[in-house]
Amino acid sequence: MNFWWRQKEPNKFCLIKPPVKKNNIPIDLKLHSDIRAMERARFAHQVAEKGRLIKQYKMERERQQKLEEEEEIKRLIKELIPKAQLMPYFDRPFVPRRSEKQPTVPREPKFCIPRHKTIKCCRMSCNDMSGPSQLQHLPSSIEKAEALYKN
């Protein structure tokens, strides 16, 4: 058996290999996932910074409130300390004077029922029923009112 690659003769049947290419320089690829990771890291840093600022602001506000409360307590303590009242002036005693205003005039209360809350037969007063025509309608209106209250 004679294999062509083992032949002692020069390569008759062998194809000539192309010359070896130079090593390629890799291109710096910018993947979308890498860009997104950078943006996400930047955003996370901004959120952390904002949280830190809010926390610092809250602590400062609590400190201010605590100082205000302490000042208020000190002020109240100073005010609530019992002190002797000033002596009255005996050379000029207080003499109350009568008021110069006129006294108020009392009014009588109104005990009347508003017109829209009364039933029709009660709206007629004694003055209205002076005529004979009003007296004729009185029994029928009373009967109507009684019929309404029975139902």
N, C-alpha and C. Protein backbone atom coordinates (compact mmCIF):
# COMPACT_ATOMS: atom_id res chain seq x y z
N MET A 1 0.83 -1.15 0.00
CA MET A 1 0.00 0.00 0.00
C MET A 1 0.88 1.23 0.00
N ASN A 2 0.50 1.94 -0.85
CA ASN A 2 1.27 3.15 -1.02
C ASN A 2 0.35 4.36 -0.85
N PHE A 3 0.52 5.08 0.26
CA PHE A 3 -0.32 6.25 0.49
C PHE A 3 0.34 7.44 -0.12
N TRP A 4 -0.42 8.29 -0.65
CA TRP A 4 0.13 9.42 -1.39
C TRP A 4 0.88 10.39 -0.51
N TRP A 5 0.44 10.47 0.83
CA TRP A 5 1.16 11.41 1.70
C TRP A 5 2.47 10.83 2.21
N ARG A 6 2.62 9.51 2.00
CA ARG A 6 3.86 8.87 2.39
C ARG A 6 4.78 8.62 1.21
N GLN A 7 4.37 9.02 0.12
CA GLN A 7 5.20 8.74 -1.06
C GLN A 7 6.52 9.47 -0.93
N LYS A 8 7.50 8.87 -1.47
CA LYS A 8 8.80 9.46 -1.40
C LYS A 8 9.00 10.48 -2.50
N GLU A 9 8.16 10.39 -3.42
CA GLU A 9 8.24 11.35 -4.50
C GLU A 9 7.69 12.68 -4.01
N PRO A 10 8.10 13.68 -4.68
CA PRO A 10 7.52 14.97 -4.30
C PRO A 10 6.01 14.94 -4.48
N ASN A 11 5.39 15.82 -3.84
CA ASN A 11 3.92 15.82 -3.78
C ASN A 11 3.32 15.99 -5.16
N LYS A 12 2.97 14.90 -5.75
CA LYS A 12 2.31 14.96 -7.05
C LYS A 12 0.83 15.22 -6.84
N PHE A 13 0.33 14.43 -5.95
CA PHE A 13 -1.12 14.49 -5.78
C PHE A 13 -1.56 15.45 -4.67
N CYS A 14 -0.64 15.91 -3.89
CA CYS A 14 -0.96 16.78 -2.76
C CYS A 14 -1.28 18.19 -3.26
N LEU A 15 -2.31 18.74 -2.68
CA LEU A 15 -2.63 20.12 -3.00
C LEU A 15 -1.70 21.02 -2.19
N ILE A 16 -1.35 22.07 -2.78
CA ILE A 16 -0.46 23.00 -2.09
C ILE A 16 -1.31 23.80 -1.10
N LYS A 17 -0.82 23.85 0.15
CA LYS A 17 -1.54 24.58 1.17
C LYS A 17 -1.33 26.07 0.96
N PRO A 18 -2.34 26.82 1.17
CA PRO A 18 -2.16 28.27 1.05
C PRO A 18 -1.27 28.76 2.18
N PRO A 19 -0.61 29.89 1.97
CA PRO A 19 0.27 30.39 3.03
C PRO A 19 -0.56 30.76 4.27
N VAL A 20 0.02 30.60 5.39
CA VAL A 20 -0.66 30.86 6.67
C VAL A 20 -0.89 32.36 6.79
N LYS A 21 -2.13 32.71 7.18
CA LYS A 21 -2.47 34.12 7.32
C LYS A 21 -1.86 34.67 8.61
N LYS A 22 -1.74 35.98 8.62
CA LYS A 22 -1.25 36.61 9.84
C LYS A 22 -2.33 36.53 10.91
N ASN A 23 -1.89 36.61 12.16
CA ASN A 23 -2.86 36.59 13.26
C ASN A 23 -3.73 37.86 13.19
N ASN A 24 -5.00 37.66 13.29
CA ASN A 24 -5.93 38.79 13.23
C ASN A 24 -5.98 39.49 14.60
N ILE A 25 -6.12 40.79 14.55
CA ILE A 25 -6.27 41.58 15.77
C ILE A 25 -7.76 41.59 16.10
N PRO A 26 -8.13 41.17 17.31
CA PRO A 26 -9.56 41.12 17.65
C PRO A 26 -10.16 42.52 17.73
N ILE A 27 -11.37 42.64 17.24
CA ILE A 27 -12.09 43.90 17.28
C ILE A 27 -12.74 44.03 18.65
N ASP A 28 -12.69 45.23 19.19
CA ASP A 28 -13.33 45.48 20.49
C ASP A 28 -14.84 45.55 20.27
N LEU A 29 -15.51 44.49 20.67
CA LEU A 29 -16.96 44.42 20.46
C LEU A 29 -17.69 45.18 21.58
N LYS A 30 -18.73 45.90 21.21
CA LYS A 30 -19.58 46.58 22.18
C LYS A 30 -20.93 45.87 22.19
N LEU A 31 -21.09 45.01 23.17
CA LEU A 31 -22.34 44.26 23.26
C LEU A 31 -23.40 45.10 23.97
N HIS A 32 -24.62 44.89 23.56
CA HIS A 32 -25.74 45.64 24.16
C HIS A 32 -25.86 45.32 25.65
N SER A 33 -25.59 44.08 26.02
CA SER A 33 -25.69 43.70 27.43
C SER A 33 -24.65 44.44 28.26
N ASP A 34 -23.43 44.65 27.69
CA ASP A 34 -22.41 45.40 28.43
C ASP A 34 -22.83 46.87 28.61
N ILE A 35 -23.37 47.46 27.55
CA ILE A 35 -23.82 48.85 27.62
C ILE A 35 -24.94 48.98 28.65
N ARG A 36 -25.87 48.03 28.62
CA ARG A 36 -27.00 48.04 29.56
C ARG A 36 -26.50 47.88 30.99
N ALA A 37 -25.49 47.02 31.19
CA ALA A 37 -24.93 46.82 32.53
C ALA A 37 -24.29 48.11 33.04
N MET A 38 -23.61 48.84 32.19
CA MET A 38 -22.99 50.10 32.59
C MET A 38 -24.07 51.13 32.97
N GLU A 39 -25.13 51.22 32.14
CA GLU A 39 -26.21 52.15 32.44
C GLU A 39 -26.90 51.78 33.75
N ARG A 40 -27.10 50.48 33.97
CA ARG A 40 -27.75 50.01 35.19
C ARG A 40 -26.89 50.33 36.40
N ALA A 41 -25.57 50.17 36.29
CA ALA A 41 -24.67 50.48 37.39
C ALA A 41 -24.71 51.98 37.70
N ARG A 42 -24.75 52.81 36.66
CA ARG A 42 -24.83 54.25 36.85
C ARG A 42 -26.14 54.62 37.55
N PHE A 43 -27.25 54.00 37.11
CA PHE A 43 -28.55 54.26 37.71
C PHE A 43 -28.57 53.82 39.18
N ALA A 44 -28.01 52.65 39.46
CA ALA A 44 -27.98 52.15 40.83
C ALA A 44 -27.17 53.10 41.72
N HIS A 45 -26.09 53.66 41.17
CA HIS A 45 -25.28 54.62 41.91
C HIS A 45 -26.09 55.89 42.20
N GLN A 46 -26.86 56.38 41.21
CA GLN A 46 -27.69 57.57 41.41
C GLN A 46 -28.76 57.32 42.47
N VAL A 47 -29.40 56.14 42.43
CA VAL A 47 -30.44 55.81 43.41
C VAL A 47 -29.83 55.74 44.81
N ALA A 48 -28.64 55.14 44.93
CA ALA A 48 -27.99 55.05 46.23
C ALA A 48 -27.64 56.45 46.75
N GLU A 49 -27.15 57.31 45.86
CA GLU A 49 -26.80 58.68 46.25
C GLU A 49 -28.04 59.45 46.70
N LYS A 50 -29.14 59.28 45.96
CA LYS A 50 -30.38 59.96 46.32
C LYS A 50 -30.89 59.46 47.68
N GLY A 51 -30.84 58.15 47.89
CA GLY A 51 -31.25 57.58 49.17
C GLY A 51 -30.40 58.11 50.31
N ARG A 52 -29.10 58.23 50.08
CA ARG A 52 -28.20 58.77 51.09
C ARG A 52 -28.56 60.23 51.41
N LEU A 53 -28.86 61.03 50.37
CA LEU A 53 -29.24 62.42 50.58
C LEU A 53 -30.55 62.54 51.35
N ILE A 54 -31.52 61.70 51.02
CA ILE A 54 -32.81 61.72 51.72
C ILE A 54 -32.62 61.34 53.18
N LYS A 55 -31.80 60.32 53.42
CA LYS A 55 -31.54 59.89 54.79
C LYS A 55 -30.86 61.01 55.58
N GLN A 56 -29.89 61.68 54.94
CA GLN A 56 -29.19 62.78 55.60
C GLN A 56 -30.16 63.93 55.88
N TYR A 57 -31.05 64.22 54.92
CA TYR A 57 -32.04 65.28 55.10
C TYR A 57 -32.98 64.96 56.27
N LYS A 58 -33.42 63.70 56.37
CA LYS A 58 -34.31 63.30 57.46
C LYS A 58 -33.61 63.43 58.81
N MET A 59 -32.36 63.01 58.86
CA MET A 59 -31.61 63.11 60.12
C MET A 59 -31.44 64.57 60.53
N GLU A 60 -31.15 65.43 59.56
CA GLU A 60 -31.00 66.86 59.83
C GLU A 60 -32.31 67.46 60.33
N ARG A 61 -33.42 67.08 59.68
CA ARG A 61 -34.73 67.59 60.09
C ARG A 61 -35.10 67.11 61.50
N GLU A 62 -34.81 65.83 61.80
CA GLU A 62 -35.09 65.31 63.13
C GLU A 62 -34.24 66.04 64.18
N ARG A 63 -32.99 66.33 63.84
CA ARG A 63 -32.11 67.05 64.75
C ARG A 63 -32.66 68.46 65.01
N GLN A 64 -33.10 69.14 63.94
CA GLN A 64 -33.68 70.48 64.08
C GLN A 64 -34.93 70.43 64.95
N GLN A 65 -35.78 69.43 64.71
CA GLN A 65 -37.03 69.30 65.47
C GLN A 65 -36.71 69.04 66.95
N LYS A 66 -35.70 68.22 67.19
CA LYS A 66 -35.32 67.93 68.57
C LYS A 66 -34.82 69.20 69.27
N LEU A 67 -34.02 70.00 68.56
CA LEU A 67 -33.53 71.26 69.13
C LEU A 67 -34.69 72.21 69.43
N GLU A 68 -35.66 72.30 68.50
CA GLU A 68 -36.82 73.17 68.71
C GLU A 68 -37.64 72.71 69.91
N GLU A 69 -37.80 71.38 70.06
CA GLU A 69 -38.56 70.86 71.20
C GLU A 69 -37.84 71.17 72.51
N GLU A 70 -36.51 71.04 72.50
CA GLU A 70 -35.76 71.35 73.72
C GLU A 70 -35.90 72.83 74.08
N GLU A 71 -35.83 73.71 73.08
CA GLU A 71 -36.00 75.14 73.33
C GLU A 71 -37.40 75.44 73.86
N GLU A 72 -38.40 74.76 73.29
CA GLU A 72 -39.78 74.94 73.74
C GLU A 72 -39.93 74.49 75.19
N ILE A 73 -39.31 73.37 75.53
CA ILE A 73 -39.38 72.87 76.91
C ILE A 73 -38.71 73.86 77.86
N LYS A 74 -37.55 74.38 77.47
CA LYS A 74 -36.87 75.36 78.31
C LYS A 74 -37.72 76.61 78.51
N ARG A 75 -38.37 77.07 77.42
CA ARG A 75 -39.22 78.25 77.51
C ARG A 75 -40.42 78.00 78.42
N LEU A 76 -41.04 76.81 78.28
CA LEU A 76 -42.19 76.48 79.13
C LEU A 76 -41.78 76.38 80.60
N ILE A 77 -40.61 75.81 80.85
CA ILE A 77 -40.14 75.71 82.23
C ILE A 77 -39.97 77.10 82.83
N LYS A 78 -39.40 78.02 82.04
CA LYS A 78 -39.22 79.39 82.54
C LYS A 78 -40.57 80.05 82.81
N GLU A 79 -41.55 79.81 81.93
CA GLU A 79 -42.86 80.43 82.10
C GLU A 79 -43.63 79.83 83.26
N LEU A 80 -43.47 78.54 83.50
CA LEU A 80 -44.29 77.86 84.50
C LEU A 80 -43.72 77.93 85.91
N ILE A 81 -42.58 78.54 86.06
CA ILE A 81 -42.03 78.71 87.41
C ILE A 81 -42.94 79.69 88.15
N PRO A 82 -43.44 79.30 89.32
CA PRO A 82 -44.35 80.20 90.03
C PRO A 82 -43.62 81.47 90.48
N LYS A 83 -44.25 82.58 90.21
CA LYS A 83 -43.69 83.88 90.58
C LYS A 83 -44.72 84.64 91.40
N ALA A 84 -44.25 85.46 92.29
CA ALA A 84 -45.16 86.27 93.11
C ALA A 84 -45.80 87.33 92.24
N GLN A 85 -47.08 87.59 92.52
CA GLN A 85 -47.78 88.63 91.78
C GLN A 85 -47.37 90.00 92.30
N LEU A 86 -47.47 90.97 91.43
CA LEU A 86 -47.11 92.31 91.82
C LEU A 86 -48.10 92.85 92.85
N MET A 87 -47.60 93.68 93.70
CA MET A 87 -48.45 94.29 94.73
C MET A 87 -49.37 95.32 94.07
N PRO A 88 -50.62 95.36 94.47
CA PRO A 88 -51.53 96.36 93.89
C PRO A 88 -51.16 97.75 94.38
N TYR A 89 -51.56 98.74 93.60
CA TYR A 89 -51.31 100.13 93.97
C TYR A 89 -52.42 100.56 94.92
N PHE A 90 -52.06 100.75 96.18
CA PHE A 90 -53.07 101.15 97.15
C PHE A 90 -53.36 102.64 97.08
N ASP A 91 -52.47 103.40 96.50
CA ASP A 91 -52.72 104.83 96.39
C ASP A 91 -53.74 105.13 95.31
N ARG A 92 -53.87 104.24 94.32
CA ARG A 92 -54.88 104.40 93.27
C ARG A 92 -55.72 103.13 93.22
N PRO A 93 -56.66 102.92 94.07
CA PRO A 93 -57.44 101.67 94.06
C PRO A 93 -58.33 101.59 92.82
N PHE A 94 -58.61 100.36 92.43
CA PHE A 94 -59.47 100.13 91.26
C PHE A 94 -60.92 100.29 91.65
N VAL A 95 -61.60 101.21 90.94
CA VAL A 95 -63.02 101.44 91.17
C VAL A 95 -63.74 101.12 89.87
N PRO A 96 -64.54 100.07 89.85
CA PRO A 96 -65.24 99.74 88.61
C PRO A 96 -66.29 100.79 88.28
N ARG A 97 -66.40 101.10 86.98
CA ARG A 97 -67.40 102.07 86.52
C ARG A 97 -68.52 101.35 85.79
N ARG A 98 -69.67 101.99 85.80
CA ARG A 98 -70.81 101.41 85.11
C ARG A 98 -70.57 101.52 83.61
N SER A 99 -71.02 100.52 82.87
CA SER A 99 -70.83 100.49 81.42
C SER A 99 -71.68 101.56 80.76
N GLU A 100 -71.16 102.12 79.69
CA GLU A 100 -71.88 103.16 78.96
C GLU A 100 -72.76 102.57 77.85
N LYS A 101 -72.64 101.30 77.60
CA LYS A 101 -73.44 100.66 76.55
C LYS A 101 -74.88 100.49 77.00
N GLN A 102 -75.79 100.50 76.04
CA GLN A 102 -77.20 100.27 76.31
C GLN A 102 -77.43 98.78 76.53
N PRO A 103 -78.30 98.43 77.49
CA PRO A 103 -78.56 96.99 77.68
C PRO A 103 -79.33 96.42 76.48
N THR A 104 -79.15 95.14 76.26
CA THR A 104 -79.83 94.50 75.11
C THR A 104 -81.31 94.36 75.41
N VAL A 105 -82.12 94.44 74.35
CA VAL A 105 -83.57 94.33 74.48
C VAL A 105 -83.93 92.88 74.15
N PRO A 106 -84.56 92.16 75.08
CA PRO A 106 -84.89 90.77 74.80
C PRO A 106 -86.04 90.66 73.80
N ARG A 107 -86.00 89.61 73.00
CA ARG A 107 -87.07 89.35 72.04
C ARG A 107 -87.78 88.07 72.43
N GLU A 108 -89.05 88.00 72.10
CA GLU A 108 -89.78 86.77 72.39
C GLU A 108 -89.45 85.73 71.33
N PRO A 109 -89.38 84.45 71.73
CA PRO A 109 -89.08 83.41 70.74
C PRO A 109 -90.26 83.18 69.82
N LYS A 110 -89.96 82.72 68.61
CA LYS A 110 -91.02 82.44 67.63
C LYS A 110 -91.33 80.95 67.69
N PHE A 111 -92.54 80.64 68.16
CA PHE A 111 -92.94 79.25 68.26
C PHE A 111 -93.88 78.84 67.14
N CYS A 112 -93.93 79.55 66.05
CA CYS A 112 -94.85 79.19 64.98
C CYS A 112 -94.22 78.11 64.10
N ILE A 113 -95.07 77.30 63.51
CA ILE A 113 -94.63 76.23 62.62
C ILE A 113 -94.54 76.83 61.21
N PRO A 114 -93.48 76.56 60.47
CA PRO A 114 -93.39 77.10 59.12
C PRO A 114 -94.57 76.65 58.27
N ARG A 115 -94.97 77.51 57.33
CA ARG A 115 -96.17 77.29 56.52
C ARG A 115 -96.05 76.02 55.66
N HIS A 116 -94.87 75.73 55.16
CA HIS A 116 -94.75 74.57 54.28
C HIS A 116 -94.78 73.24 55.05
N LYS A 117 -94.66 73.29 56.42
CA LYS A 117 -94.67 72.06 57.20
C LYS A 117 -96.05 71.74 57.77
N THR A 118 -97.00 72.63 57.63
CA THR A 118 -98.34 72.38 58.18
C THR A 118 -99.22 71.74 57.11
N ILE A 119 -100.24 71.03 57.56
CA ILE A 119 -101.19 70.48 56.60
C ILE A 119 -102.19 71.55 56.23
N LYS A 120 -102.92 71.31 55.16
CA LYS A 120 -103.77 72.34 54.58
C LYS A 120 -104.85 72.83 55.56
N CYS A 121 -105.45 71.94 56.33
CA CYS A 121 -106.54 72.35 57.22
C CYS A 121 -106.01 73.20 58.37
N CYS A 122 -104.76 73.02 58.78
CA CYS A 122 -104.21 73.79 59.89
C CYS A 122 -103.73 75.16 59.44
N ARG A 123 -103.62 75.40 58.17
CA ARG A 123 -103.15 76.69 57.68
C ARG A 123 -104.19 77.79 57.89
N MET A 124 -105.45 77.38 57.98
CA MET A 124 -106.50 78.38 58.17
C MET A 124 -106.54 78.76 59.64
N SER A 125 -106.30 80.00 59.92
CA SER A 125 -106.36 80.47 61.31
C SER A 125 -107.77 80.99 61.59
N CYS A 126 -107.99 81.39 62.79
CA CYS A 126 -109.32 81.89 63.18
C CYS A 126 -109.69 83.13 62.41
N ASN A 127 -108.71 83.95 62.07
CA ASN A 127 -108.99 85.17 61.32
C ASN A 127 -109.42 84.84 59.89
N ASP A 128 -108.84 83.80 59.32
CA ASP A 128 -109.17 83.43 57.94
C ASP A 128 -110.57 82.80 57.86
N MET A 129 -111.03 82.17 58.93
CA MET A 129 -112.29 81.44 58.87
C MET A 129 -113.48 82.31 59.26
N SER A 130 -113.33 83.60 59.21
CA SER A 130 -114.43 84.48 59.60
C SER A 130 -115.57 84.45 58.60
N GLY A 131 -115.27 84.19 57.33
CA GLY A 131 -116.33 84.18 56.32
C GLY A 131 -117.06 82.86 56.29
N PRO A 132 -118.31 82.84 55.77
CA PRO A 132 -119.10 81.60 55.73
C PRO A 132 -118.53 80.59 54.73
N SER A 133 -117.85 81.07 53.67
CA SER A 133 -117.33 80.13 52.67
C SER A 133 -116.22 79.27 53.26
N GLN A 134 -115.42 79.81 54.18
CA GLN A 134 -114.33 79.05 54.79
C GLN A 134 -114.88 77.98 55.73
N LEU A 135 -115.98 78.28 56.41
CA LEU A 135 -116.55 77.31 57.34
C LEU A 135 -117.13 76.10 56.61
N GLN A 136 -117.57 76.29 55.38
CA GLN A 136 -118.13 75.17 54.63
C GLN A 136 -117.05 74.15 54.29
N HIS A 137 -115.81 74.61 54.01
CA HIS A 137 -114.73 73.71 53.60
C HIS A 137 -114.02 73.05 54.78
N LEU A 138 -114.26 73.53 55.99
CA LEU A 138 -113.55 73.02 57.15
C LEU A 138 -113.81 71.54 57.42
N PRO A 139 -115.06 71.04 57.46
CA PRO A 139 -115.26 69.62 57.76
C PRO A 139 -114.64 68.70 56.72
N SER A 140 -114.71 69.08 55.44
CA SER A 140 -114.16 68.20 54.42
C SER A 140 -112.64 68.12 54.51
N SER A 141 -111.98 69.22 54.84
CA SER A 141 -110.52 69.20 54.94
C SER A 141 -110.07 68.42 56.17
N ILE A 142 -110.85 68.48 57.26
CA ILE A 142 -110.51 67.69 58.45
C ILE A 142 -110.64 66.21 58.14
N GLU A 143 -111.70 65.85 57.41
CA GLU A 143 -111.89 64.45 57.04
C GLU A 143 -110.74 63.97 56.17
N LYS A 144 -110.26 64.81 55.25
CA LYS A 144 -109.13 64.43 54.40
C LYS A 144 -107.87 64.22 55.24
N ALA A 145 -107.63 65.08 56.20
CA ALA A 145 -106.46 64.96 57.05
C ALA A 145 -106.54 63.68 57.88
N GLU A 146 -107.71 63.37 58.43
CA GLU A 146 -107.86 62.15 59.21
C GLU A 146 -107.65 60.91 58.35
N ALA A 147 -108.13 60.94 57.09
CA ALA A 147 -107.94 59.82 56.19
C ALA A 147 -106.45 59.63 55.89
N LEU A 148 -105.71 60.74 55.76
CA LEU A 148 -104.27 60.63 55.50
C LEU A 148 -103.54 59.99 56.69
N TYR A 149 -103.91 60.37 57.91
CA TYR A 149 -103.22 59.87 59.09
C TYR A 149 -103.56 58.41 59.38
N LYS A 150 -104.76 57.97 58.96
CA LYS A 150 -105.15 56.56 59.17
C LYS A 150 -104.33 55.63 58.30
N ASN A 151 -103.98 56.08 57.12
CA ASN A 151 -103.21 55.24 56.19
C ASN A 151 -101.80 55.27 56.64
